[in-house]
């Protein structure tokens, strides 16, 4: 099974999450939650949507990053 890929708006938000500007990081965080909530609602509750799976995987991997 191939790893899920995220949509373009979510991929852009990861750049903003890494910004040195706190305000930009906060806006990206709020946008990410909003987009993922809408995507999961549209997908249904039977399983996680691709965007959610990708985001969780990437955020968890990022916790180990020195950046």
Foldseek 3Di string as FASTA:
>chain_A
DDQFDADPVLVVLVVQCPDPDPVSNVVSVVVLVVVLVVVDVVVDDPDRDSNVRVVVVVVVVCVPDPD
